[in-house]
């Protein structure tokens, strides 16, 4: 089991018993605004967590639960681009429990997972995307060193594509 330790937090693989807290975070209005869609029921959330675990076992993705003082603070996810484990490209996603926002945790957790992607997974480039209206995530992406690649419209939603490379 891979566990990544940062200053004031731990990233450990997501577990099925994280489903309830994952569900709660996904139901938060601010969290939901950042996603194209969120689970509409606890059963759907549990199914998503099972899918995260399945993709981790296949080696195409890794979803970590962020723990602060042993408590659930959110999740960070690193996927191989197009779920192809032979790819040298990855993509990150992050969501935090409302109690842990605005404290620098998103920046620290994202830096940790990006470092893991480059050093352990040997990725050469990592992408991120977010809604253009999600100013907090845009700010975090800039802080960790992502550069804006382009703006796109996906299903009528303005999004920003970001990248960071190993150079």
N, C-alpha and C. Protein backbone atom coordinates (compact mmCIF):
# COMPACT_ATOMS: atom_id res chain seq x y z
N UNK A 1 0.85 -1.18 0.00
CA UNK A 1 0.00 0.00 0.00
C UNK A 1 0.90 1.25 0.00
N UNK A 2 0.67 2.11 -0.96
CA UNK A 2 1.45 3.33 -1.10
C UNK A 2 0.84 4.41 -0.22
N UNK A 3 1.66 4.98 0.65
CA UNK A 3 1.23 6.10 1.49
C UNK A 3 2.24 7.22 1.27
N UNK A 4 1.72 8.40 0.96
CA UNK A 4 2.57 9.57 0.75
C UNK A 4 2.36 10.52 1.92
N UNK A 5 3.45 10.94 2.51
CA UNK A 5 3.36 11.83 3.67
C UNK A 5 3.82 13.23 3.30
N UNK A 6 3.03 14.19 3.72
CA UNK A 6 3.36 15.59 3.53
C UNK A 6 3.34 16.29 4.87
N UNK A 7 3.71 17.56 4.89
CA UNK A 7 3.70 18.30 6.14
C UNK A 7 2.26 18.58 6.56
N UNK A 8 1.82 17.90 7.63
CA UNK A 8 0.48 18.10 8.16
C UNK A 8 -0.61 17.25 7.53
N UNK A 9 -0.24 16.33 6.64
CA UNK A 9 -1.25 15.47 6.01
C UNK A 9 -0.62 14.17 5.51
N UNK A 10 -1.48 13.22 5.24
CA UNK A 10 -1.08 11.92 4.67
C UNK A 10 -2.00 11.64 3.50
N UNK A 11 -1.45 11.08 2.43
CA UNK A 11 -2.24 10.58 1.31
C UNK A 11 -2.15 9.06 1.36
N UNK A 12 -3.31 8.41 1.52
CA UNK A 12 -3.33 6.95 1.50
C UNK A 12 -4.40 6.52 0.50
N UNK A 13 -4.26 5.31 -0.06
CA UNK A 13 -5.23 4.87 -1.06
C UNK A 13 -6.67 4.94 -0.54
N UNK A 14 -7.58 5.34 -1.41
CA UNK A 14 -8.99 5.41 -1.05
C UNK A 14 -9.48 4.01 -0.70
N UNK A 15 -10.39 3.95 0.25
CA UNK A 15 -10.99 2.69 0.69
C UNK A 15 -12.51 2.80 0.55
N UNK A 16 -13.15 1.65 0.47
CA UNK A 16 -14.60 1.64 0.34
C UNK A 16 -15.27 2.36 1.51
N UNK A 17 -14.67 2.25 2.71
CA UNK A 17 -15.30 2.92 3.86
C UNK A 17 -15.13 4.45 3.83
N UNK A 18 -14.47 4.99 2.79
CA UNK A 18 -14.42 6.43 2.58
C UNK A 18 -15.68 6.93 1.84
N UNK A 19 -16.50 6.01 1.37
CA UNK A 19 -17.64 6.36 0.53
C UNK A 19 -18.57 7.39 1.16
N UNK A 20 -18.86 7.25 2.44
CA UNK A 20 -19.80 8.16 3.11
C UNK A 20 -19.26 9.59 3.11
N UNK A 21 -17.99 9.74 3.45
CA UNK A 21 -17.40 11.08 3.49
C UNK A 21 -17.22 11.65 2.08
N UNK A 22 -16.87 10.79 1.13
CA UNK A 22 -16.80 11.21 -0.27
C UNK A 22 -18.17 11.73 -0.72
N UNK A 23 -19.22 11.00 -0.40
CA UNK A 23 -20.59 11.39 -0.73
C UNK A 23 -20.92 12.75 -0.13
N UNK A 24 -20.58 12.93 1.14
CA UNK A 24 -20.88 14.19 1.82
C UNK A 24 -20.18 15.38 1.14
N UNK A 25 -18.92 15.20 0.77
CA UNK A 25 -18.19 16.27 0.10
C UNK A 25 -18.81 16.57 -1.26
N UNK A 26 -19.19 15.54 -1.98
CA UNK A 26 -19.78 15.74 -3.30
C UNK A 26 -21.14 16.43 -3.23
N UNK A 27 -21.80 16.38 -2.07
CA UNK A 27 -23.09 17.05 -1.92
C UNK A 27 -22.95 18.51 -1.50
N UNK A 28 -21.75 18.92 -1.13
CA UNK A 28 -21.50 20.31 -0.78
C UNK A 28 -21.69 21.18 -2.02
N UNK A 29 -22.42 22.27 -1.88
CA UNK A 29 -22.75 23.13 -3.02
C UNK A 29 -21.51 23.68 -3.72
N UNK A 30 -20.51 24.09 -2.95
CA UNK A 30 -19.29 24.63 -3.56
C UNK A 30 -18.54 23.55 -4.32
N UNK A 31 -18.48 22.35 -3.77
CA UNK A 31 -17.83 21.24 -4.47
C UNK A 31 -18.57 20.94 -5.76
N UNK A 32 -19.87 20.82 -5.67
CA UNK A 32 -20.69 20.47 -6.84
C UNK A 32 -20.52 21.48 -7.97
N UNK A 33 -20.34 22.76 -7.63
CA UNK A 33 -20.15 23.78 -8.66
C UNK A 33 -18.90 23.53 -9.49
N UNK A 34 -17.91 22.86 -8.90
CA UNK A 34 -16.65 22.62 -9.60
C UNK A 34 -16.66 21.42 -10.53
N UNK A 35 -17.70 20.63 -10.49
CA UNK A 35 -17.75 19.40 -11.28
C UNK A 35 -18.84 19.47 -12.34
N UNK A 36 -18.66 18.70 -13.39
CA UNK A 36 -19.69 18.60 -14.43
C UNK A 36 -20.88 17.81 -13.91
N UNK A 37 -20.65 16.93 -12.95
CA UNK A 37 -21.70 16.13 -12.34
C UNK A 37 -21.18 15.50 -11.06
N UNK A 38 -22.08 15.29 -10.11
CA UNK A 38 -21.72 14.64 -8.85
C UNK A 38 -22.72 13.50 -8.62
N UNK A 39 -22.35 12.53 -7.78
CA UNK A 39 -23.28 11.43 -7.52
C UNK A 39 -24.59 11.94 -6.93
N UNK A 40 -25.70 11.36 -7.40
CA UNK A 40 -27.01 11.81 -6.94
C UNK A 40 -27.54 10.99 -5.77
N UNK A 41 -26.82 9.95 -5.38
CA UNK A 41 -27.24 9.13 -4.24
C UNK A 41 -26.00 8.56 -3.57
N UNK A 42 -26.17 8.10 -2.34
CA UNK A 42 -25.05 7.46 -1.65
C UNK A 42 -24.61 6.22 -2.40
N UNK A 43 -25.56 5.46 -2.93
CA UNK A 43 -25.21 4.25 -3.68
C UNK A 43 -24.37 4.58 -4.91
N UNK A 44 -24.69 5.69 -5.57
CA UNK A 44 -23.91 6.11 -6.73
C UNK A 44 -22.50 6.53 -6.29
N UNK A 45 -22.39 7.20 -5.17
CA UNK A 45 -21.07 7.60 -4.64
C UNK A 45 -20.24 6.36 -4.31
N UNK A 46 -20.88 5.38 -3.69
CA UNK A 46 -20.19 4.14 -3.34
C UNK A 46 -19.70 3.42 -4.61
N UNK A 47 -20.53 3.45 -5.65
CA UNK A 47 -20.16 2.84 -6.93
C UNK A 47 -18.93 3.56 -7.52
N UNK A 48 -18.91 4.89 -7.41
CA UNK A 48 -17.76 5.65 -7.91
C UNK A 48 -16.49 5.27 -7.14
N UNK A 49 -16.59 5.13 -5.83
CA UNK A 49 -15.43 4.75 -5.03
C UNK A 49 -14.96 3.35 -5.44
N UNK A 50 -15.89 2.44 -5.66
CA UNK A 50 -15.52 1.10 -6.14
C UNK A 50 -14.80 1.18 -7.47
N UNK A 51 -15.26 2.08 -8.35
CA UNK A 51 -14.61 2.26 -9.65
C UNK A 51 -13.21 2.84 -9.48
N UNK A 52 -13.03 3.78 -8.54
CA UNK A 52 -11.70 4.32 -8.25
C UNK A 52 -10.76 3.18 -7.83
N UNK A 53 -11.25 2.31 -6.96
CA UNK A 53 -10.44 1.19 -6.46
C UNK A 53 -10.11 0.23 -7.59
N UNK A 54 -11.08 -0.05 -8.44
CA UNK A 54 -10.89 -0.95 -9.58
C UNK A 54 -9.83 -0.40 -10.54
N UNK A 55 -9.89 0.89 -10.84
CA UNK A 55 -8.92 1.49 -11.74
C UNK A 55 -7.53 1.52 -11.11
N UNK A 56 -7.47 1.68 -9.79
CA UNK A 56 -6.18 1.62 -9.10
C UNK A 56 -5.58 0.22 -9.24
N UNK A 57 -6.41 -0.81 -9.06
CA UNK A 57 -5.92 -2.19 -9.19
C UNK A 57 -5.44 -2.48 -10.61
N UNK A 58 -6.09 -1.87 -11.61
CA UNK A 58 -5.67 -2.03 -13.01
C UNK A 58 -4.38 -1.27 -13.30
N UNK A 59 -4.02 -0.34 -12.41
CA UNK A 59 -2.80 0.43 -12.59
C UNK A 59 -2.95 1.64 -13.49
N UNK A 60 -4.18 2.06 -13.78
CA UNK A 60 -4.39 3.19 -14.69
C UNK A 60 -4.72 4.49 -13.96
N UNK A 61 -4.89 4.40 -12.64
CA UNK A 61 -5.29 5.55 -11.85
C UNK A 61 -4.92 5.28 -10.39
N UNK A 62 -4.75 6.35 -9.64
CA UNK A 62 -4.58 6.21 -8.20
C UNK A 62 -5.35 7.33 -7.53
N UNK A 63 -6.22 6.94 -6.62
CA UNK A 63 -6.99 7.91 -5.86
C UNK A 63 -6.55 7.78 -4.41
N UNK A 64 -6.12 8.90 -3.87
CA UNK A 64 -5.68 8.94 -2.48
C UNK A 64 -6.68 9.71 -1.65
N UNK A 65 -6.90 9.25 -0.45
CA UNK A 65 -7.67 10.00 0.54
C UNK A 65 -6.68 10.87 1.30
N UNK A 66 -7.04 12.12 1.47
CA UNK A 66 -6.21 13.06 2.22
C UNK A 66 -6.66 13.01 3.67
N UNK A 67 -5.73 12.70 4.55
CA UNK A 67 -6.01 12.66 5.99
C UNK A 67 -5.24 13.76 6.70
N UNK A 68 -5.92 14.48 7.56
CA UNK A 68 -5.29 15.49 8.41
C UNK A 68 -5.64 15.10 9.84
N UNK A 69 -4.62 14.82 10.64
CA UNK A 69 -4.82 14.34 12.01
C UNK A 69 -5.76 13.14 12.03
N UNK A 70 -5.62 12.26 11.04
CA UNK A 70 -6.42 11.04 10.97
C UNK A 70 -7.83 11.23 10.46
N UNK A 71 -8.20 12.46 10.10
CA UNK A 71 -9.57 12.74 9.65
C UNK A 71 -9.60 12.96 8.13
N UNK A 72 -10.69 12.52 7.52
CA UNK A 72 -10.90 12.69 6.09
C UNK A 72 -10.95 14.17 5.74
N UNK A 73 -10.11 14.58 4.77
CA UNK A 73 -10.08 15.97 4.34
C UNK A 73 -10.37 16.12 2.85
N UNK A 74 -10.48 15.00 2.13
CA UNK A 74 -10.76 15.05 0.70
C UNK A 74 -10.01 13.96 -0.03
N UNK A 75 -9.90 14.14 -1.34
CA UNK A 75 -9.20 13.16 -2.17
C UNK A 75 -8.42 13.87 -3.26
N UNK A 76 -7.37 13.22 -3.71
CA UNK A 76 -6.59 13.67 -4.85
C UNK A 76 -6.40 12.45 -5.74
N UNK A 77 -6.49 12.68 -7.05
CA UNK A 77 -6.49 11.58 -8.01
C UNK A 77 -5.48 11.85 -9.11
N UNK A 78 -4.73 10.82 -9.47
CA UNK A 78 -3.78 10.88 -10.58
C UNK A 78 -4.13 9.76 -11.54
N UNK A 79 -4.51 10.14 -12.76
CA UNK A 79 -4.84 9.16 -13.80
C UNK A 79 -3.76 9.20 -14.86
N UNK A 80 -3.48 8.03 -15.47
CA UNK A 80 -2.75 8.07 -16.72
C UNK A 80 -3.70 8.63 -17.75
N UNK A 81 -3.17 9.46 -18.65
CA UNK A 81 -3.99 10.06 -19.69
C UNK A 81 -4.68 8.95 -20.48
N UNK A 82 -5.98 9.08 -20.66
CA UNK A 82 -6.81 8.09 -21.36
C UNK A 82 -6.74 6.70 -20.71
N UNK A 83 -6.41 6.64 -19.45
CA UNK A 83 -6.30 5.40 -18.68
C UNK A 83 -5.39 4.39 -19.37
N UNK A 84 -4.31 4.90 -19.96
CA UNK A 84 -3.32 4.06 -20.65
C UNK A 84 -2.06 4.07 -19.81
N UNK A 85 -1.79 2.97 -19.12
CA UNK A 85 -0.65 2.95 -18.20
C UNK A 85 0.70 2.98 -18.90
N UNK A 86 0.71 2.92 -20.23
CA UNK A 86 1.95 3.08 -20.99
C UNK A 86 2.19 4.53 -21.39
N UNK A 87 1.24 5.40 -21.07
CA UNK A 87 1.36 6.80 -21.41
C UNK A 87 2.36 7.49 -20.49
N UNK A 88 3.04 8.49 -21.02
CA UNK A 88 3.94 9.30 -20.18
C UNK A 88 3.22 10.58 -19.72
N UNK A 89 1.91 10.60 -19.92
CA UNK A 89 1.11 11.76 -19.54
C UNK A 89 0.09 11.38 -18.48
N UNK A 90 -0.18 12.33 -17.58
CA UNK A 90 -1.16 12.08 -16.53
C UNK A 90 -2.13 13.24 -16.39
N UNK A 91 -3.09 13.05 -15.52
CA UNK A 91 -4.09 14.09 -15.24
C UNK A 91 -4.42 14.02 -13.76
N UNK A 92 -4.54 15.19 -13.13
CA UNK A 92 -4.87 15.25 -11.70
C UNK A 92 -6.25 15.84 -11.48
N UNK A 93 -6.84 15.43 -10.36
CA UNK A 93 -8.13 15.93 -9.90
C UNK A 93 -8.03 16.05 -8.37
N UNK A 94 -8.77 16.97 -7.80
CA UNK A 94 -8.69 17.18 -6.36
C UNK A 94 -10.03 17.72 -5.86
N UNK A 95 -10.45 17.23 -4.69
CA UNK A 95 -11.62 17.79 -4.03
C UNK A 95 -11.39 17.74 -2.53
N UNK A 96 -11.82 18.81 -1.85
CA UNK A 96 -11.59 18.93 -0.41
C UNK A 96 -12.90 19.09 0.35
N UNK A 97 -12.88 18.55 1.55
CA UNK A 97 -13.98 18.77 2.49
C UNK A 97 -14.00 20.27 2.82
N UNK A 98 -15.18 20.87 2.93
CA UNK A 98 -15.27 22.31 3.20
C UNK A 98 -14.47 22.78 4.42
N UNK A 99 -14.34 21.93 5.44
CA UNK A 99 -13.61 22.32 6.66
C UNK A 99 -12.11 22.52 6.41
N UNK A 100 -11.61 22.04 5.28
CA UNK A 100 -10.17 22.09 5.03
C UNK A 100 -9.79 23.04 3.90
N UNK A 101 -10.73 23.79 3.40
CA UNK A 101 -10.45 24.73 2.31
C UNK A 101 -9.83 26.01 2.86
N UNK A 102 -9.05 26.65 2.00
CA UNK A 102 -8.46 27.95 2.36
C UNK A 102 -7.31 27.85 3.35
N UNK A 103 -6.74 26.66 3.50
CA UNK A 103 -5.66 26.46 4.48
C UNK A 103 -4.36 25.98 3.83
N UNK A 104 -4.33 25.99 2.50
CA UNK A 104 -3.12 25.56 1.79
C UNK A 104 -3.04 24.07 1.55
N UNK A 105 -4.02 23.32 2.01
CA UNK A 105 -3.97 21.86 1.86
C UNK A 105 -4.06 21.44 0.39
N UNK A 106 -4.90 22.09 -0.38
CA UNK A 106 -5.04 21.74 -1.80
C UNK A 106 -3.70 21.89 -2.51
N UNK A 107 -3.01 22.97 -2.26
CA UNK A 107 -1.71 23.22 -2.88
C UNK A 107 -0.71 22.15 -2.47
N UNK A 108 -0.64 21.85 -1.18
CA UNK A 108 0.33 20.85 -0.69
C UNK A 108 0.02 19.46 -1.23
N UNK A 109 -1.26 19.06 -1.23
CA UNK A 109 -1.63 17.72 -1.71
C UNK A 109 -1.38 17.60 -3.21
N UNK A 110 -1.69 18.65 -3.95
CA UNK A 110 -1.46 18.62 -5.40
C UNK A 110 0.02 18.54 -5.72
N UNK A 111 0.85 19.32 -5.01
CA UNK A 111 2.30 19.24 -5.21
C UNK A 111 2.80 17.83 -4.94
N UNK A 112 2.29 17.21 -3.88
CA UNK A 112 2.73 15.86 -3.50
C UNK A 112 2.38 14.85 -4.59
N UNK A 113 1.16 14.92 -5.13
CA UNK A 113 0.74 13.94 -6.14
C UNK A 113 1.45 14.19 -7.48
N UNK A 114 1.73 15.45 -7.79
CA UNK A 114 2.46 15.76 -9.02
C UNK A 114 3.89 15.21 -8.91
N UNK A 115 4.52 15.43 -7.78
CA UNK A 115 5.86 14.89 -7.55
C UNK A 115 5.86 13.37 -7.69
N UNK A 116 4.86 12.72 -7.12
CA UNK A 116 4.71 11.26 -7.23
C UNK A 116 4.56 10.86 -8.71
N UNK A 117 3.76 11.60 -9.45
CA UNK A 117 3.57 11.30 -10.87
C UNK A 117 4.87 11.38 -11.66
N UNK A 118 5.66 12.42 -11.39
CA UNK A 118 6.91 12.58 -12.11
C UNK A 118 7.98 11.60 -11.65
N UNK A 119 8.18 11.48 -10.36
CA UNK A 119 9.29 10.68 -9.85
C UNK A 119 9.02 9.18 -9.82
N UNK A 120 7.83 8.78 -9.41
CA UNK A 120 7.54 7.35 -9.26
C UNK A 120 6.88 6.77 -10.51
N UNK A 121 5.92 7.49 -11.06
CA UNK A 121 5.20 7.01 -12.25
C UNK A 121 5.90 7.38 -13.54
N UNK A 122 6.97 8.18 -13.45
CA UNK A 122 7.79 8.57 -14.59
C UNK A 122 7.01 9.30 -15.68
N UNK A 123 6.00 10.05 -15.27
CA UNK A 123 5.25 10.85 -16.23
C UNK A 123 6.11 12.04 -16.66
N UNK A 124 5.91 12.48 -17.88
CA UNK A 124 6.67 13.61 -18.41
C UNK A 124 5.84 14.91 -18.37
N UNK A 125 4.53 14.76 -18.43
CA UNK A 125 3.64 15.91 -18.42
C UNK A 125 2.36 15.52 -17.67
N UNK A 126 1.84 16.46 -16.91
CA UNK A 126 0.60 16.21 -16.16
C UNK A 126 -0.35 17.37 -16.46
N UNK A 127 -1.59 17.02 -16.71
CA UNK A 127 -2.63 17.99 -17.05
C UNK A 127 -3.61 18.16 -15.90
N UNK A 128 -4.27 19.28 -15.90
CA UNK A 128 -5.39 19.55 -15.00
C UNK A 128 -6.41 20.34 -15.81
N UNK A 129 -7.63 20.32 -15.35
CA UNK A 129 -8.66 21.16 -15.96
C UNK A 129 -9.61 21.61 -14.86
N UNK A 130 -10.23 22.71 -15.09
CA UNK A 130 -11.23 23.20 -14.14
C UNK A 130 -12.17 24.15 -14.85
N UNK A 131 -13.30 24.38 -14.23
CA UNK A 131 -14.21 25.38 -14.76
C UNK A 131 -13.52 26.74 -14.64
N UNK A 132 -13.69 27.55 -15.66
CA UNK A 132 -13.08 28.88 -15.65
C UNK A 132 -13.58 29.71 -14.46
N UNK A 133 -14.81 29.45 -14.05
CA UNK A 133 -15.40 30.18 -12.92
C UNK A 133 -14.85 29.75 -11.56
N UNK A 134 -14.10 28.64 -11.52
CA UNK A 134 -13.58 28.12 -10.26
C UNK A 134 -12.23 28.80 -9.96
N UNK A 135 -12.33 30.02 -9.46
CA UNK A 135 -11.13 30.85 -9.22
C UNK A 135 -10.18 30.22 -8.21
N UNK A 136 -10.72 29.53 -7.21
CA UNK A 136 -9.86 28.91 -6.19
C UNK A 136 -8.97 27.84 -6.80
N UNK A 137 -9.53 26.99 -7.66
CA UNK A 137 -8.73 25.93 -8.29
C UNK A 137 -7.74 26.55 -9.29
N UNK A 138 -8.16 27.57 -10.02
CA UNK A 138 -7.23 28.26 -10.92
C UNK A 138 -6.02 28.78 -10.14
N UNK A 139 -6.27 29.36 -8.98
CA UNK A 139 -5.19 29.89 -8.14
C UNK A 139 -4.27 28.78 -7.65
N UNK A 140 -4.84 27.66 -7.21
CA UNK A 140 -4.04 26.52 -6.76
C UNK A 140 -3.19 26.00 -7.91
N UNK A 141 -3.77 25.83 -9.09
CA UNK A 141 -3.01 25.34 -10.24
C UNK A 141 -1.83 26.24 -10.55
N UNK A 142 -2.04 27.55 -10.48
CA UNK A 142 -0.93 28.47 -10.71
C UNK A 142 0.14 28.35 -9.63
N UNK A 143 -0.28 28.20 -8.38
CA UNK A 143 0.68 28.08 -7.26
C UNK A 143 1.59 26.87 -7.41
N UNK A 144 1.05 25.75 -7.91
CA UNK A 144 1.86 24.53 -7.99
C UNK A 144 2.71 24.49 -9.26
N UNK A 145 2.54 25.49 -10.15
CA UNK A 145 3.39 25.56 -11.33
C UNK A 145 2.74 25.16 -12.64
N UNK A 146 1.45 24.89 -12.64
CA UNK A 146 0.77 24.62 -13.90
C UNK A 146 0.78 25.89 -14.74
N UNK A 147 0.79 25.72 -16.04
CA UNK A 147 0.61 26.86 -16.94
C UNK A 147 -0.66 26.63 -17.74
N UNK A 148 -1.36 27.71 -18.00
CA UNK A 148 -2.58 27.63 -18.80
C UNK A 148 -2.22 27.26 -20.23
N UNK A 149 -2.94 26.28 -20.75
CA UNK A 149 -2.71 25.85 -22.12
C UNK A 149 -3.76 26.47 -23.04
N UNK A 150 -5.01 26.36 -22.64
CA UNK A 150 -6.08 26.90 -23.47
C UNK A 150 -7.40 26.92 -22.70
N UNK A 151 -8.31 27.69 -23.23
CA UNK A 151 -9.69 27.68 -22.75
C UNK A 151 -10.50 26.85 -23.72
N UNK A 152 -11.43 26.08 -23.19
CA UNK A 152 -12.31 25.26 -24.02
C UNK A 152 -13.73 25.37 -23.51
N UNK A 153 -14.66 25.02 -24.35
CA UNK A 153 -16.05 24.91 -23.92
C UNK A 153 -16.42 23.44 -24.03
N UNK A 154 -16.81 22.85 -22.91
CA UNK A 154 -17.18 21.44 -22.85
C UNK A 154 -18.63 21.38 -22.38
N UNK A 155 -19.47 20.82 -23.22
CA UNK A 155 -20.91 20.73 -22.91
C UNK A 155 -21.46 22.07 -22.44
N UNK A 156 -21.04 23.15 -23.11
CA UNK A 156 -21.54 24.47 -22.78
C UNK A 156 -20.89 25.13 -21.58
N UNK A 157 -19.89 24.49 -20.98
CA UNK A 157 -19.22 25.02 -19.79
C UNK A 157 -17.81 25.49 -20.16
N UNK A 158 -17.48 26.72 -19.78
CA UNK A 158 -16.14 27.25 -20.03
C UNK A 158 -15.15 26.60 -19.07
N UNK A 159 -14.10 26.00 -19.66
CA UNK A 159 -13.09 25.32 -18.85
C UNK A 159 -11.70 25.80 -19.23
N UNK A 160 -10.78 25.66 -18.29
CA UNK A 160 -9.38 26.00 -18.52
C UNK A 160 -8.57 24.71 -18.46
N UNK A 161 -7.71 24.49 -19.45
CA UNK A 161 -6.80 23.35 -19.47
C UNK A 161 -5.43 23.83 -19.03
N UNK A 162 -4.78 23.03 -18.19
CA UNK A 162 -3.49 23.37 -17.60
C UNK A 162 -2.52 22.24 -17.86
N UNK A 163 -1.21 22.55 -17.83
CA UNK A 163 -0.19 21.51 -17.90
C UNK A 163 1.03 21.91 -17.11
N UNK A 164 1.73 20.88 -16.67
CA UNK A 164 3.02 21.06 -16.00
C UNK A 164 3.89 19.93 -16.50
N UNK A 165 5.16 20.25 -16.78
CA UNK A 165 6.03 19.17 -17.24
C UNK A 165 7.27 19.09 -16.38
N UNK A 166 7.99 18.02 -16.59
CA UNK A 166 9.10 17.67 -15.71
C UNK A 166 10.32 18.58 -15.89
N UNK A 167 10.39 19.29 -17.00
CA UNK A 167 11.57 20.15 -17.27
C UNK A 167 11.93 20.82 -16.01
